[in-house]
C-alpha cells in the first residue's frame, strides 16, 4: 500500500507485517504488545532523527500504542502522529468481529469496501485471508484499554463517506494528546471511504510533509 509513497526530502518506510504479500505464509499477530515490542526494536536505530508516524485503520491504533510505549520508555516521540480510518482509543466502540461466523464476518468485511468478493470465493485464498483478517480484528478488539495522552501533536484524516470512522469519530483523537499539543491537533477531511489511504495517498503525504517543513527544513 505504501510502496509508491514518496516526497522530496523524506524517506518513507512501510511496515510489512506477517501474513501480508510476500509474508503471507507467516502467522499474523493476534495481540498488540508483541507487535509493539518488535516495532519499537526496529524503530530504535532511527529515533535520533526527526520522524513522523502514520497509521491507517488497525495501523492507527498500533501507531498510538507504539507512541505510548516510546513515551513510557523515555524514547523520542515522533514530531507528529498521523492517523486515519480508526476511531480514537478513548472513544473506541468495542466489538467482537473476530468471533463471528465466517458468513457474518465476511459480510462485515465486505461492508467496509476495498476487498473484492472474489477473494472469498477462491478456495486456496479464502482460508489465508480469513486467518489474516480475523487476527487483525482480534488484535484491535483485544488491545489493552489505555487512557494515556501523548506529548506530541496528532493529526487525523477522515473520509466523509467512511461510516466506521466518521469525521466526528476522528475529531476525538484530539483527546489523546496533552494540553500542550491539543491546540496543534488537525482534522483533515477528504471525499473518500474507509480506504482513503489508497485514493488520496499523495495528497495525504504532501499534507504531512508540509506540516513537517518547519522541523525538517525541507
Protein backbone atom coordinates (compact mmCIF):
# COMPACT_ATOMS: atom_id res chain seq x y z
CA UNK A 1 0.00 0.00 0.00
CA UNK A 2 2.85 2.39 0.77
CA UNK A 3 5.26 1.20 -1.94
CA UNK A 4 4.73 4.24 -4.16
CA UNK A 5 4.71 6.85 -1.41
CA UNK A 6 7.49 9.36 -1.97
CA UNK A 7 8.20 13.03 -1.38
CA UNK A 8 11.35 15.17 -1.76
CA UNK A 9 13.48 15.12 1.36
CA UNK A 10 11.56 12.33 3.06
CA UNK A 11 12.29 8.64 3.45
CA UNK A 12 9.09 6.61 3.58
CA UNK A 13 9.31 3.28 5.41
CA UNK A 14 6.31 1.00 5.16
CA UNK A 15 5.73 -1.71 7.76
CA UNK A 16 5.25 -5.14 6.18
CA UNK A 17 3.50 -7.26 8.78
CA UNK A 18 3.40 -11.09 8.80
CA UNK A 19 0.52 -12.57 6.85
CA UNK A 20 0.68 -10.00 4.04
CA UNK A 21 2.06 -10.02 0.50
CA UNK A 22 5.49 -11.72 0.46
CA UNK A 23 4.96 -12.70 4.14
CA UNK A 24 1.56 -14.27 3.52
CA UNK A 25 2.59 -17.70 4.83
CA UNK A 26 3.73 -16.28 8.19
CA UNK A 27 1.37 -16.26 11.17
CA UNK A 28 -0.13 -12.80 11.75
CA UNK A 29 -0.01 -11.07 15.11
CA UNK A 30 -3.08 -11.56 17.28
CA UNK A 31 -2.04 -9.46 20.29
CA UNK A 32 -0.97 -5.83 20.48
CA UNK A 33 2.01 -5.93 22.86
CA UNK A 34 4.25 -8.40 20.94
CA UNK A 35 3.76 -6.34 17.79
CA UNK A 36 4.53 -3.07 19.57
CA UNK A 37 7.71 -4.53 21.08
CA UNK A 38 9.02 -5.62 17.67
CA UNK A 39 8.14 -2.31 16.01
CA UNK A 40 9.95 -0.31 18.68
CA UNK A 41 13.01 -2.54 18.34
CA UNK A 42 13.01 -1.87 14.60
CA UNK A 43 12.50 1.88 15.11
CA UNK A 44 15.18 2.47 17.73
CA UNK A 45 18.16 2.93 15.37
CA UNK A 46 16.32 5.79 13.64
CA UNK A 47 14.87 7.67 16.59
CA UNK A 48 17.74 10.16 16.73
CA UNK A 49 16.39 11.91 13.61
CA UNK A 50 13.09 13.81 13.25
CA UNK A 51 10.34 11.48 12.09
CA UNK A 52 6.58 11.07 11.92
CA UNK A 53 4.38 8.01 12.21
CA UNK A 54 1.29 7.41 10.12
CA UNK A 55 -1.18 4.61 10.73
CA UNK A 56 -4.38 3.73 8.92
CA UNK A 57 -7.26 1.67 10.35
CA UNK A 58 -5.67 -1.04 12.53
CA UNK A 59 -2.37 0.72 11.91
CA UNK A 60 -3.68 3.86 13.60
CA UNK A 61 -4.30 2.00 16.85
CA UNK A 62 -0.95 0.22 16.57
CA UNK A 63 0.79 3.56 15.96
CA UNK A 64 -0.85 5.04 19.06
CA UNK A 65 0.28 2.12 21.23
CA UNK A 66 3.80 2.37 19.78
CA UNK A 67 3.93 6.06 20.69
CA UNK A 68 2.63 5.38 24.19
CA UNK A 69 5.36 2.79 24.72
CA UNK A 70 8.03 5.12 23.34
CA UNK A 71 6.86 7.77 25.80
CA UNK A 72 6.82 5.35 28.73
CA UNK A 73 10.34 4.17 27.88
CA UNK A 74 11.69 7.71 27.63
CA UNK A 75 12.43 7.40 23.91
CA UNK A 76 11.96 10.23 21.38
CA UNK A 77 8.41 10.64 20.15
CA UNK A 78 7.58 11.46 16.53
CA UNK A 79 7.31 15.09 15.52
CA UNK A 80 3.75 14.21 14.53
CA UNK A 81 1.44 11.21 14.77
CA UNK A 82 -1.00 10.95 11.87
CA UNK A 83 -3.96 8.57 11.93
CA UNK A 84 -6.91 7.70 9.71
CA UNK A 85 -9.70 5.16 9.44
CA UNK A 86 -9.93 4.36 13.17
CA UNK A 87 -11.98 5.87 15.98
CA UNK A 88 -9.95 7.37 18.82
CA UNK A 89 -8.96 4.84 21.54
CA UNK A 90 -10.68 6.84 24.28
CA UNK A 91 -13.95 6.54 22.35
CA UNK A 92 -13.40 3.13 20.79
CA UNK A 93 -16.52 1.04 20.22
CA UNK A 94 -15.61 -2.44 21.45
CA UNK A 95 -16.96 -5.11 19.13
CA UNK A 96 -16.09 -8.75 18.51
CA UNK A 97 -15.98 -9.21 14.75
CA UNK A 98 -13.24 -11.83 15.10
CA UNK A 99 -15.69 -14.15 16.90
CA UNK A 100 -18.37 -14.04 14.19
CA UNK A 101 -19.18 -16.98 11.91
CA UNK A 102 -17.37 -16.99 8.57
CA UNK A 103 -20.51 -15.85 6.75
CA UNK A 104 -21.21 -12.95 9.12
CA UNK A 105 -17.55 -11.98 9.31
CA UNK A 106 -17.20 -11.86 5.52
CA UNK A 107 -20.36 -9.75 5.34
CA UNK A 108 -18.86 -7.21 7.75
CA UNK A 109 -15.58 -7.12 5.81
CA UNK A 110 -17.36 -6.54 2.50
CA UNK A 111 -19.35 -3.72 4.11
CA UNK A 112 -16.08 -1.82 4.57
CA UNK A 113 -15.43 -1.87 0.84
CA UNK A 114 -11.98 -2.28 -0.65
CA UNK A 115 -11.98 -6.11 -0.55
CA UNK A 116 -13.17 -7.84 -3.73
CA UNK A 117 -15.81 -10.54 -3.03
CA UNK A 118 -13.83 -12.85 -5.33
CA UNK A 119 -11.17 -13.14 -2.63
CA UNK A 120 -13.57 -15.21 -0.53
CA UNK A 121 -14.68 -17.33 -3.47
CA UNK A 122 -11.19 -18.66 -4.24
CA UNK A 123 -10.75 -21.96 -2.29
CA UNK A 124 -6.99 -21.59 -1.80
CA UNK A 125 -7.04 -17.90 -0.91
CA UNK A 126 -10.12 -17.80 1.31
CA UNK A 127 -8.62 -19.51 4.42
CA UNK A 128 -5.46 -17.40 4.26
CA UNK A 129 -7.41 -14.16 4.01
CA UNK A 130 -9.85 -15.16 6.76
CA UNK A 131 -6.98 -16.10 9.08
CA UNK A 132 -5.26 -12.76 8.49
CA UNK A 133 -8.38 -10.62 8.87
CA UNK A 134 -9.58 -12.43 12.00
CA UNK A 135 -6.14 -11.92 13.54
CA UNK A 136 -6.24 -8.22 12.69
CA UNK A 137 -9.63 -7.75 14.30
CA UNK A 138 -8.63 -9.83 17.33
CA UNK A 139 -5.56 -7.63 17.79
CA UNK A 140 -7.67 -4.46 17.67
CA UNK A 141 -10.61 -5.76 19.69
CA UNK A 142 -8.47 -7.22 22.50
CA UNK A 143 -5.96 -4.37 22.70
CA UNK A 144 -5.45 -3.10 26.27
CA UNK A 145 -7.70 -0.21 27.20
CA UNK A 146 -5.49 2.82 27.72
CA UNK A 147 -6.12 6.44 28.60
CA UNK A 148 -2.62 7.79 28.06
CA UNK A 149 -2.09 11.14 26.38
CA UNK A 150 0.82 11.70 24.02
CA UNK A 151 3.29 14.53 24.32
CA UNK A 152 3.36 15.16 20.59
CA UNK A 153 0.99 16.68 18.01
CA UNK A 154 -1.67 14.47 16.43
CA UNK A 155 -3.29 14.87 13.04
CA UNK A 156 -6.31 12.85 11.93
CA UNK A 157 -7.67 12.19 8.45
CA UNK A 158 -11.34 11.30 7.97
CA UNK A 159 -13.13 10.04 4.90
CA UNK A 160 -16.51 11.74 4.67
CA UNK A 161 -18.02 8.51 3.32
CA UNK A 162 -16.42 6.26 5.96
CA UNK A 163 -19.21 5.03 8.29
CA UNK A 164 -16.74 3.25 10.60
CA UNK A 165 -14.51 6.26 11.33
CA UNK A 166 -16.56 9.38 10.73
CA UNK A 167 -15.14 12.91 11.00
CA UNK A 168 -16.81 13.11 14.45
CA UNK A 169 -15.04 9.89 15.48
CA UNK A 170 -11.69 11.16 14.22
CA UNK A 171 -12.10 14.51 16.00
CA UNK A 172 -11.81 12.64 19.31
CA UNK A 173 -8.13 11.92 18.58
CA UNK A 174 -7.60 15.43 19.96
CA UNK A 175 -8.31 13.93 23.40
CA UNK A 176 -5.29 11.62 23.01
CA UNK A 177 -2.71 14.39 23.20
CA UNK A 178 -1.66 16.50 26.18
CA UNK A 179 -2.86 20.05 26.75
CA UNK A 180 0.46 21.39 25.42
CA UNK A 181 -0.32 19.93 21.98
CA UNK A 182 -4.13 19.91 21.92
CA UNK A 183 -4.21 23.22 20.05
CA UNK A 184 -1.96 21.72 17.36
CA UNK A 185 -4.49 18.99 16.59
CA UNK A 186 -5.66 18.98 12.99
CA UNK A 187 -8.58 17.15 11.40
CA UNK A 188 -8.29 16.78 7.65
CA UNK A 189 -11.43 15.61 5.84
CA UNK A 190 -11.41 14.17 2.32
CA UNK A 191 -14.00 12.86 -0.10
CA UNK A 192 -13.41 9.15 0.43
CA UNK A 193 -14.45 5.99 2.22
CA UNK A 194 -12.59 3.71 4.64
CA UNK A 195 -9.85 3.12 2.07
CA UNK A 196 -8.97 6.77 1.57
CA UNK A 197 -5.32 5.81 2.05
CA UNK A 198 -5.43 4.28 -1.45
CA UNK A 199 -7.31 7.05 -3.20
CA UNK A 200 -5.67 10.08 -1.53
CA UNK A 201 -2.13 8.83 -0.89
CA UNK A 202 -0.19 11.67 -2.50
CA UNK A 203 -2.49 14.32 -1.04
CA UNK A 204 -2.00 12.87 2.46
CA UNK A 205 1.76 12.60 2.06
CA UNK A 206 2.12 16.16 0.75
CA UNK A 207 -0.02 17.48 3.58
CA UNK A 208 2.02 15.66 6.24
CA UNK A 209 5.26 16.82 4.62
CA UNK A 210 4.05 20.41 4.66
CA UNK A 211 3.41 20.18 8.40
CA UNK A 212 6.98 18.94 8.91
CA UNK A 213 8.64 21.71 6.92
CA UNK A 214 9.45 23.76 9.96
CA UNK A 215 11.06 20.80 11.70
CA UNK A 216 12.98 19.28 8.81
CA UNK A 217 13.77 22.50 6.94
CA UNK A 218 12.66 20.91 3.66
